[in-house]
């Protein structure tokens, strides 16, 4: 009897071991739920931008050059020094005989006077035309503002009038600066002619020719600092007014056609603690070829931006400073959207994996506008649906999953 019990116990233990082994094998080969991260389909604002690097530049820069040959004394100005129109001494030239007093120099000085007078006569009508256009734009803007107060015109028409007014104002400033420069060139040419034909009383004393600043602004670069002998037209300094800054951004030609005049722009990474607002003034009509960092030829277009804020709010922003520009080409406040990390290509369509009863369900969707972070959903999803983020190749239609919300981290 005892022997029979031992046999039965041994058989029972053998069967238990076999059952445990079989259960372990079944468990090891049983498909386990795949852990995934998910997020909800939501509504909110969406902005599509063209993002490119750009640099600031002074709208009107002036290179001061010598109107006659001679010996240039050392220039004591440094980059960043302020200059005043007509009063700040930039450089001094002393005679370098016989170049200043020979017949050829005299003829050249007379020809420069005539050329400067012609340039002065050419810019005067431009200033008057720019002033008339500015006054017309100002009156038109005032009229539309009165109508806008009565809701008689659209906001787009008022914005267009403000853009035209600002453009005409900049054109008038540029025309007046060109007039000042032409007057300065004429005065320099006449002074050079006087220096080239000195009177007898002046021949016994050494003569100097002083060059004063034609504009009010700052010294950008000193091109010739040391004392030296210079020829006519030698470049000495570069001047500009940092108040009159603009931004140049080069974008792909395929993106340039999407950028409207007057589009909003946000400038980042310029050194300040907040983005600087700007406005697209011009998309240049001609493209140029540029080699990318990967060695690929690209057709690019320059986009010119106007800074919207006053110079007091960006006091340290100077010429040729780097910025990152985000040019807004489309935006809306209430858009059904998901992160772009949830989208993937299913043949020629866009698709996502929905989460339904802890299983992944393949769903084809229609995508509208999108940026680098989010995409607009025009069909296929509803607000509140859960979608899988960054699905791997192990995720298939109907597979069991273990969802984990991104907000739980």
Protein backbone atom coordinates (compact mmCIF):
# COMPACT_ATOMS: atom_id res chain seq x y z
CA UNK A 1 0.00 0.00 0.00
CA UNK A 2 2.77 2.37 0.92
CA UNK A 3 4.52 1.52 -2.28
CA UNK A 4 1.39 2.37 -4.28
CA UNK A 5 1.07 5.74 -2.50
CA UNK A 6 4.68 6.61 -3.31
CA UNK A 7 4.09 5.75 -6.98
CA UNK A 8 0.98 7.91 -7.08
CA UNK A 9 2.76 10.84 -5.40
CA UNK A 10 5.64 10.49 -7.84
CA UNK A 11 3.21 10.51 -10.78
CA UNK A 12 1.41 13.55 -9.35
CA UNK A 13 4.64 15.48 -8.92
CA UNK A 14 5.65 14.59 -12.47
CA UNK A 15 2.32 15.85 -13.82
CA UNK A 16 2.65 19.08 -11.80
CA UNK A 17 6.14 19.67 -13.23
CA UNK A 18 4.91 19.06 -16.74
CA UNK A 19 2.00 21.48 -16.19
CA UNK A 20 4.32 24.16 -14.81
CA UNK A 21 6.72 23.73 -17.73
CA UNK A 22 3.88 23.87 -20.25
CA UNK A 23 2.43 26.96 -18.56
CA UNK A 24 5.82 28.69 -18.66
CA UNK A 25 6.25 27.90 -22.34
CA UNK A 26 2.75 29.18 -23.13
CA UNK A 27 3.36 32.36 -21.08
CA UNK A 28 6.72 33.01 -22.72
CA UNK A 29 5.25 32.75 -26.23
CA UNK A 30 2.00 34.57 -25.44
CA UNK A 31 1.97 38.05 -27.11
CA UNK A 32 2.53 40.83 -24.55
CA UNK A 33 0.99 44.31 -24.78
CA UNK A 34 3.38 46.83 -26.35
CA UNK A 35 4.02 49.98 -24.27
CA UNK A 36 3.23 53.14 -26.24
CA UNK A 37 2.99 56.88 -25.60
CA UNK A 38 -0.16 58.71 -26.64
CA UNK A 39 -1.65 62.16 -26.82
CA UNK A 40 -5.10 63.58 -27.46
CA UNK A 41 -6.42 65.29 -30.56
CA UNK A 42 -7.09 68.87 -29.49
CA UNK A 43 -8.18 72.28 -30.75
CA UNK A 44 -6.11 75.42 -30.45
CA UNK A 45 -4.13 78.07 -32.31
CA UNK A 46 -1.82 76.97 -35.12
CA UNK A 47 0.80 79.09 -36.89
CA UNK A 48 2.72 78.10 -40.01
CA UNK A 49 6.01 79.94 -40.50
CA UNK A 50 9.02 80.04 -42.78
CA UNK A 51 12.06 79.85 -40.48
CA UNK A 52 15.43 81.10 -41.74
CA UNK A 53 18.48 82.95 -40.47
CA UNK A 54 18.89 86.60 -41.35
CA UNK A 55 21.01 89.61 -40.54
CA UNK A 56 20.36 93.23 -39.79
CA UNK A 57 21.61 96.01 -42.01
CA UNK A 58 21.46 99.78 -42.12
CA UNK A 59 19.11 100.84 -44.88
CA UNK A 60 21.32 103.67 -46.16
CA UNK A 61 25.07 103.42 -45.59
CA UNK A 62 27.56 106.01 -46.79
CA UNK A 63 31.20 105.40 -47.68
CA UNK A 64 33.26 108.59 -47.33
CA UNK A 65 35.96 108.86 -49.99
CA UNK A 66 38.58 111.47 -50.81
CA UNK A 67 37.60 114.08 -53.43
CA UNK A 68 41.23 114.81 -54.35
CA UNK A 69 44.68 113.32 -54.07
CA UNK A 70 47.05 114.26 -51.27
CA UNK A 71 48.51 113.18 -47.96
CA UNK A 72 45.89 111.83 -45.56
CA UNK A 73 46.52 112.56 -41.89
CA UNK A 74 45.82 109.81 -39.36
CA UNK A 75 42.10 109.27 -38.69
CA UNK A 76 41.36 109.33 -34.95
CA UNK A 77 37.77 108.08 -35.10
CA UNK A 78 36.87 104.54 -34.04
CA UNK A 79 33.93 102.31 -34.99
CA UNK A 80 30.93 103.29 -32.90
CA UNK A 81 31.88 106.95 -32.50
CA UNK A 82 28.91 109.32 -33.10
CA UNK A 83 29.14 111.91 -35.86
CA UNK A 84 27.05 114.99 -36.61
CA UNK A 85 26.18 116.16 -40.10
CA UNK A 86 28.37 119.06 -41.21
CA UNK A 87 30.25 119.50 -37.91
CA UNK A 88 32.15 116.29 -37.15
CA UNK A 89 35.64 116.22 -38.65
CA UNK A 90 36.29 112.89 -40.32
CA UNK A 91 39.65 113.32 -42.05
CA UNK A 92 42.17 115.93 -43.17
CA UNK A 93 44.16 115.95 -46.43
CA UNK A 94 47.27 118.06 -46.95
CA UNK A 95 48.77 118.94 -50.34
CA UNK A 96 51.08 116.49 -51.97
CA UNK A 97 52.81 118.56 -54.63
CA UNK A 98 52.58 118.61 -57.55
CA UNK A 99 49.41 116.46 -57.80
CA UNK A 100 47.00 119.03 -56.35
CA UNK A 101 48.29 122.02 -58.38
CA UNK A 102 48.96 120.57 -61.85
CA UNK A 103 46.71 121.22 -64.86
CA UNK A 104 45.28 117.73 -64.97
CA UNK A 105 44.15 117.92 -61.33
CA UNK A 106 42.53 121.28 -62.05
CA UNK A 107 40.59 119.86 -65.02
CA UNK A 108 39.51 116.86 -62.98
CA UNK A 109 38.31 119.09 -60.12
CA UNK A 110 36.24 121.20 -62.53
CA UNK A 111 34.71 118.05 -64.05
CA UNK A 112 33.81 116.74 -60.58
CA UNK A 113 32.03 120.01 -59.79
CA UNK A 114 29.95 119.67 -62.95
CA UNK A 115 29.15 116.02 -62.16
CA UNK A 116 28.15 116.93 -58.59
CA UNK A 117 25.88 119.72 -59.85
CA UNK A 118 24.22 117.30 -62.26
CA UNK A 119 23.69 114.79 -59.43
CA UNK A 120 22.16 117.54 -57.27
CA UNK A 121 19.78 118.56 -60.05
CA UNK A 122 18.80 114.92 -60.51
CA UNK A 123 17.88 114.22 -56.85
CA UNK A 124 15.84 117.40 -56.26
CA UNK A 125 12.78 116.22 -58.29
CA UNK A 126 12.96 112.85 -56.54
CA UNK A 127 12.66 114.48 -53.13
CA UNK A 128 9.66 116.52 -54.25
CA UNK A 129 8.00 113.45 -55.74
CA UNK A 130 8.62 111.42 -52.57
CA UNK A 131 7.18 114.25 -50.45
CA UNK A 132 4.02 114.45 -52.57
CA UNK A 133 3.52 110.66 -52.42
CA UNK A 134 4.05 110.70 -48.63
CA UNK A 135 1.52 113.51 -48.14
CA UNK A 136 -1.01 111.65 -50.30
CA UNK A 137 -0.46 108.40 -48.34
CA UNK A 138 -0.82 110.33 -45.07
CA UNK A 139 -4.11 111.91 -46.12
CA UNK A 140 -5.43 108.60 -47.44
CA UNK A 141 -4.52 106.85 -44.16
CA UNK A 142 -6.26 109.59 -42.14
CA UNK A 143 -9.37 109.22 -44.31
CA UNK A 144 -9.47 105.44 -43.89
CA UNK A 145 -8.96 105.72 -40.14
CA UNK A 146 -12.04 107.95 -39.90
CA UNK A 147 -14.00 105.43 -41.97
CA UNK A 148 -12.67 102.55 -39.86
CA UNK A 149 -14.00 104.25 -36.74
CA UNK A 150 -17.44 103.99 -38.36
CA UNK A 151 -16.80 100.40 -39.54
CA UNK A 152 -17.05 101.56 -43.17
CA UNK A 153 -13.81 99.91 -44.34
CA UNK A 154 -12.24 96.53 -43.69
CA UNK A 155 -9.20 95.97 -41.52
CA UNK A 156 -7.29 94.68 -44.56
CA UNK A 157 -7.78 98.01 -46.38
CA UNK A 158 -6.65 99.95 -43.31
CA UNK A 159 -3.57 97.70 -42.90
CA UNK A 160 -2.72 98.16 -46.60
CA UNK A 161 -3.00 101.95 -46.24
CA UNK A 162 -0.73 101.89 -43.18
CA UNK A 163 1.81 99.79 -45.08
CA UNK A 164 1.76 102.22 -48.03
CA UNK A 165 2.15 105.18 -45.64
CA UNK A 166 5.13 103.58 -43.91
CA UNK A 167 6.71 102.74 -47.28
CA UNK A 168 6.24 106.31 -48.56
CA UNK A 169 7.73 107.63 -45.31
CA UNK A 170 10.83 105.49 -45.80
CA UNK A 171 11.06 106.56 -49.45
CA UNK A 172 10.97 110.22 -48.39
CA UNK A 173 13.69 109.63 -45.82
CA UNK A 174 15.86 107.88 -48.40
CA UNK A 175 15.27 110.69 -50.94
CA UNK A 176 16.23 113.35 -48.39
CA UNK A 177 19.33 111.41 -47.43
CA UNK A 178 20.27 111.16 -51.11
CA UNK A 179 19.73 114.92 -51.38
CA UNK A 180 22.00 115.55 -48.38
CA UNK A 181 24.67 113.31 -49.84
CA UNK A 182 24.42 115.02 -53.24
CA UNK A 183 24.75 118.44 -51.55
CA UNK A 184 27.75 117.16 -49.60
CA UNK A 185 29.37 115.82 -52.77
CA UNK A 186 28.82 119.18 -54.48
CA UNK A 187 30.34 121.09 -51.58
CA UNK A 188 33.32 118.72 -51.54
CA UNK A 189 33.85 119.12 -55.28
CA UNK A 190 33.67 122.91 -55.07
CA UNK A 191 36.05 122.95 -52.12
CA UNK A 192 38.45 120.68 -53.98
CA UNK A 193 38.35 123.07 -56.94
CA UNK A 194 39.19 126.00 -54.65
CA UNK A 195 42.06 124.01 -53.18
CA UNK A 196 43.31 123.18 -56.67
CA UNK A 197 43.34 126.87 -57.66
CA UNK A 198 44.75 128.72 -54.62
CA UNK A 199 45.19 132.44 -54.47
CA UNK A 200 48.63 134.05 -54.27
CA UNK A 201 48.14 134.89 -50.59
CA UNK A 202 47.54 131.25 -49.80
CA UNK A 203 50.52 129.89 -51.75
CA UNK A 204 52.97 130.80 -48.99
CA UNK A 205 51.11 128.92 -46.23
CA UNK A 206 50.40 125.17 -46.08
CA UNK A 207 46.82 124.33 -46.96
CA UNK A 208 44.56 121.61 -45.57
CA UNK A 209 41.37 120.09 -46.86
CA UNK A 210 38.96 118.94 -44.12
CA UNK A 211 36.27 116.32 -44.74
CA UNK A 212 33.22 116.60 -42.49
CA UNK A 213 30.43 114.07 -41.91
CA UNK A 214 27.62 114.20 -44.50
CA UNK A 215 25.10 112.52 -42.16
CA UNK A 216 24.24 112.19 -38.50
CA UNK A 217 24.92 108.70 -37.24
CA UNK A 218 27.83 106.51 -36.24
CA UNK A 219 31.11 105.28 -37.65
CA UNK A 220 30.65 101.70 -38.81
CA UNK A 221 34.14 100.99 -40.14
CA UNK A 222 37.42 102.84 -40.51
CA UNK A 223 38.77 101.72 -43.89
CA UNK A 224 42.02 103.74 -43.83
CA UNK A 225 43.29 104.63 -40.37
CA UNK A 226 47.00 105.34 -40.78
CA UNK A 227 48.57 108.40 -42.41
CA UNK A 228 49.25 107.76 -46.07
CA UNK A 229 49.21 109.24 -49.56
CA UNK A 230 45.78 108.71 -51.14
CA UNK A 231 44.43 109.06 -54.64
CA UNK A 232 41.07 110.48 -55.71
CA UNK A 233 38.20 108.23 -54.64
CA UNK A 234 40.09 106.33 -51.93
CA UNK A 235 37.60 104.98 -49.36
CA UNK A 236 38.20 106.24 -45.82
CA UNK A 237 35.21 105.48 -43.56
CA UNK A 238 31.79 103.87 -43.64
CA UNK A 239 28.99 105.74 -41.86
CA UNK A 240 25.41 104.87 -41.04
CA UNK A 241 22.49 105.57 -38.72
CA UNK A 242 21.59 102.61 -36.48
CA UNK A 243 18.12 104.06 -36.04
CA UNK A 244 17.36 103.11 -39.64
CA UNK A 245 17.79 99.33 -39.38
CA UNK A 246 16.18 96.66 -41.52
CA UNK A 247 16.60 92.86 -41.72
CA UNK A 248 17.61 90.78 -44.74
CA UNK A 249 16.54 87.12 -44.77
CA UNK A 250 17.23 84.75 -47.67
CA UNK A 251 14.65 81.97 -48.12
CA UNK A 252 14.10 79.20 -50.64
CA UNK A 253 12.33 80.41 -53.77
CA UNK A 254 9.60 77.80 -53.14
CA UNK A 255 8.93 79.47 -49.77
CA UNK A 256 9.25 83.01 -51.10
CA UNK A 257 6.13 82.66 -53.27
CA UNK A 258 4.10 81.92 -50.11
CA UNK A 259 5.18 85.10 -48.28
CA UNK A 260 2.80 88.05 -48.76
CA UNK A 261 3.85 91.65 -48.42
CA UNK A 262 2.98 92.89 -44.93
CA UNK A 263 3.27 89.43 -43.31
CA UNK A 264 4.07 89.33 -39.60
CA UNK A 265 7.55 88.23 -38.56
CA UNK A 266 9.06 87.35 -35.18
CA UNK A 267 12.84 87.75 -34.75
CA UNK A 268 14.44 85.42 -32.22
CA UNK A 269 17.98 84.70 -30.98
CA UNK A 270 18.98 88.35 -31.47
CA UNK A 271 20.28 88.70 -27.93
CA UNK A 272 17.17 90.00 -26.20
CA UNK A 273 14.85 88.20 -23.80
CA UNK A 274 11.82 88.30 -26.13
CA UNK A 275 11.12 88.12 -29.87
CA UNK A 276 11.20 91.35 -31.88
CA UNK A 277 8.15 91.97 -34.11
CA UNK A 278 8.78 92.90 -37.74
CA UNK A 279 6.87 93.20 -41.02
CA UNK A 280 7.71 92.02 -44.54
CA UNK A 281 8.32 95.09 -46.69
CA UNK A 282 9.67 93.47 -49.84
CA UNK A 283 10.17 90.05 -51.43
CA UNK A 284 12.82 90.67 -54.06
CA UNK A 285 11.74 89.64 -57.58
CA UNK A 286 15.04 87.97 -58.52
CA UNK A 287 16.55 84.84 -56.98
CA UNK A 288 20.20 83.83 -56.70
CA UNK A 289 22.05 80.52 -56.44
CA UNK A 290 23.53 79.52 -53.09
CA UNK A 291 25.39 76.38 -52.04
CA UNK A 292 23.92 74.84 -48.88
CA UNK A 293 25.95 73.30 -46.04
CA UNK A 294 25.37 69.88 -47.66
CA UNK A 295 26.78 71.08 -50.99
CA UNK A 296 23.39 71.34 -52.73
CA UNK A 297 22.65 74.22 -55.10
CA UNK A 298 19.59 76.19 -53.96
CA UNK A 299 17.66 79.05 -55.51
CA UNK A 300 17.10 81.61 -52.79
CA UNK A 301 15.35 84.97 -52.56
CA UNK A 302 16.04 87.92 -50.26
CA UNK A 303 13.13 89.04 -48.08
CA UNK A 304 13.46 92.53 -46.52
CA UNK A 305 11.85 93.19 -43.13
CA UNK A 306 11.02 96.41 -41.28
CA UNK A 307 11.41 96.42 -37.50
CA UNK A 308 8.16 97.43 -35.80
CA UNK A 309 9.60 98.56 -32.47
CA UNK A 310 11.41 101.80 -31.74
CA UNK A 311 15.24 101.89 -31.51
CA UNK A 312 14.99 102.51 -27.75
CA UNK A 313 13.62 98.99 -27.29
CA UNK A 314 16.60 97.42 -29.13
CA UNK A 315 19.48 99.76 -28.21
CA UNK A 316 22.33 97.26 -28.72
CA UNK A 317 21.18 95.78 -32.03
CA UNK A 318 23.66 96.88 -34.68
CA UNK A 319 24.60 96.42 -38.31
CA UNK A 320 25.10 92.87 -39.70
CA UNK A 321 23.88 91.16 -36.51
CA UNK A 322 22.48 87.62 -36.85
CA UNK A 323 18.80 86.91 -36.11
CA UNK A 324 16.43 83.98 -36.56
CA UNK A 325 13.31 85.04 -38.46
CA UNK A 326 9.95 83.29 -38.26
CA UNK A 327 7.83 84.61 -41.13
CA UNK A 328 4.12 83.88 -40.63
CA UNK A 329 2.45 82.63 -43.82
CA UNK A 330 -0.73 81.25 -42.19
CA UNK A 331 -2.36 81.18 -38.75
CA UNK A 332 -5.72 80.42 -37.15
CA UNK A 333 -7.02 80.42 -33.57
CA UNK A 334 -9.26 77.31 -33.54
CA UNK A 335 -7.70 74.38 -35.40
CA UNK A 336 -8.16 70.63 -34.87
CA UNK A 337 -4.57 69.39 -34.62
CA UNK A 338 -2.19 66.66 -33.52
CA UNK A 339 1.61 66.58 -33.07
CA UNK A 340 3.46 65.74 -36.27
CA UNK A 341 5.16 62.87 -34.40
CA UNK A 342 1.89 60.91 -34.58
CA UNK A 343 1.69 61.05 -38.39
CA UNK A 344 3.25 58.58 -40.82
CA UNK A 345 2.85 57.72 -44.48
CA UNK A 346 0.54 54.88 -45.52
CA UNK A 347 1.27 54.56 -49.24
CA UNK A 348 0.26 57.99 -50.60
CA UNK A 349 -1.91 58.97 -47.60
CA UNK A 350 -1.28 60.21 -44.09
CA UNK A 351 -2.25 57.87 -41.26
CA UNK A 352 -2.24 57.52 -37.48
CA UNK A 353 -2.82 54.76 -34.94
CA UNK A 354 -5.87 55.35 -32.75
CA UNK A 355 -6.20 53.75 -29.32
CA UNK A 356 -9.48 51.85 -28.91
CA UNK A 357 -9.93 49.40 -25.99
CA UNK A 358 -6.15 49.16 -25.51
CA UNK A 359 -5.60 48.16 -29.12
CA UNK A 360 -4.00 50.08 -31.99
CA UNK A 361 -6.38 50.90 -34.84
CA UNK A 362 -5.01 52.17 -38.15
CA UNK A 363 -6.82 55.30 -39.36
CA UNK A 364 -6.24 57.29 -42.58
CA UNK A 365 -6.51 61.06 -42.08
CA UNK A 366 -6.47 64.21 -44.20
CA UNK A 367 -3.86 66.81 -43.25
CA UNK A 368 -4.16 70.55 -43.93
CA UNK A 369 -1.61 73.10 -42.79
CA UNK A 370 1.32 71.94 -40.70
CA UNK A 371 4.54 73.15 -39.15
CA UNK A 372 7.45 71.37 -37.50
CA UNK A 373 5.46 70.62 -34.32
CA UNK A 374 1.77 70.23 -35.19
CA UNK A 375 -0.50 69.45 -38.15
CA UNK A 376 -4.06 70.47 -38.95
CA UNK A 377 -6.52 67.54 -39.30
CA UNK A 378 -9.32 68.20 -41.79
CA UNK A 379 -10.87 64.71 -41.78
CA UNK A 380 -10.48 61.33 -40.04
CA UNK A 381 -10.25 62.35 -36.36
CA UNK A 382 -12.32 64.08 -33.71
CA UNK A 383 -11.39 66.17 -30.72
CA UNK A 384 -10.50 63.95 -27.76
CA UNK A 385 -9.35 60.93 -29.83
CA UNK A 386 -6.21 59.28 -28.52
CA UNK A 387 -3.37 58.70 -31.00
CA UNK A 388 -0.04 56.91 -30.59
CA UNK A 389 3.09 59.06 -30.70
CA UNK A 390 6.09 57.91 -32.76
CA UNK A 391 4.71 54.42 -33.62
CA UNK A 392 7.42 51.82 -34.20
CA UNK A 393 7.36 49.05 -36.82
CA UNK A 394 6.04 46.67 -34.11
CA UNK A 395 2.76 48.58 -33.98
CA UNK A 396 0.27 47.07 -36.42
CA UNK A 397 -3.47 47.32 -36.88
CA UNK A 398 -5.21 45.51 -34.00
CA UNK A 399 -2.12 44.82 -31.86
CA UNK A 400 -2.62 44.98 -28.09
CA UNK A 401 -0.88 47.94 -26.44
CA UNK A 402 -0.12 49.36 -23.01
CA UNK A 403 -0.89 53.12 -23.29
CA UNK A 404 1.10 55.71 -21.36
CA UNK A 405 0.20 59.40 -21.55
CA UNK A 406 3.01 61.86 -22.32
CA UNK A 407 1.69 64.10 -19.54
CA UNK A 408 2.34 61.38 -16.95
CA UNK A 409 6.12 61.84 -17.11
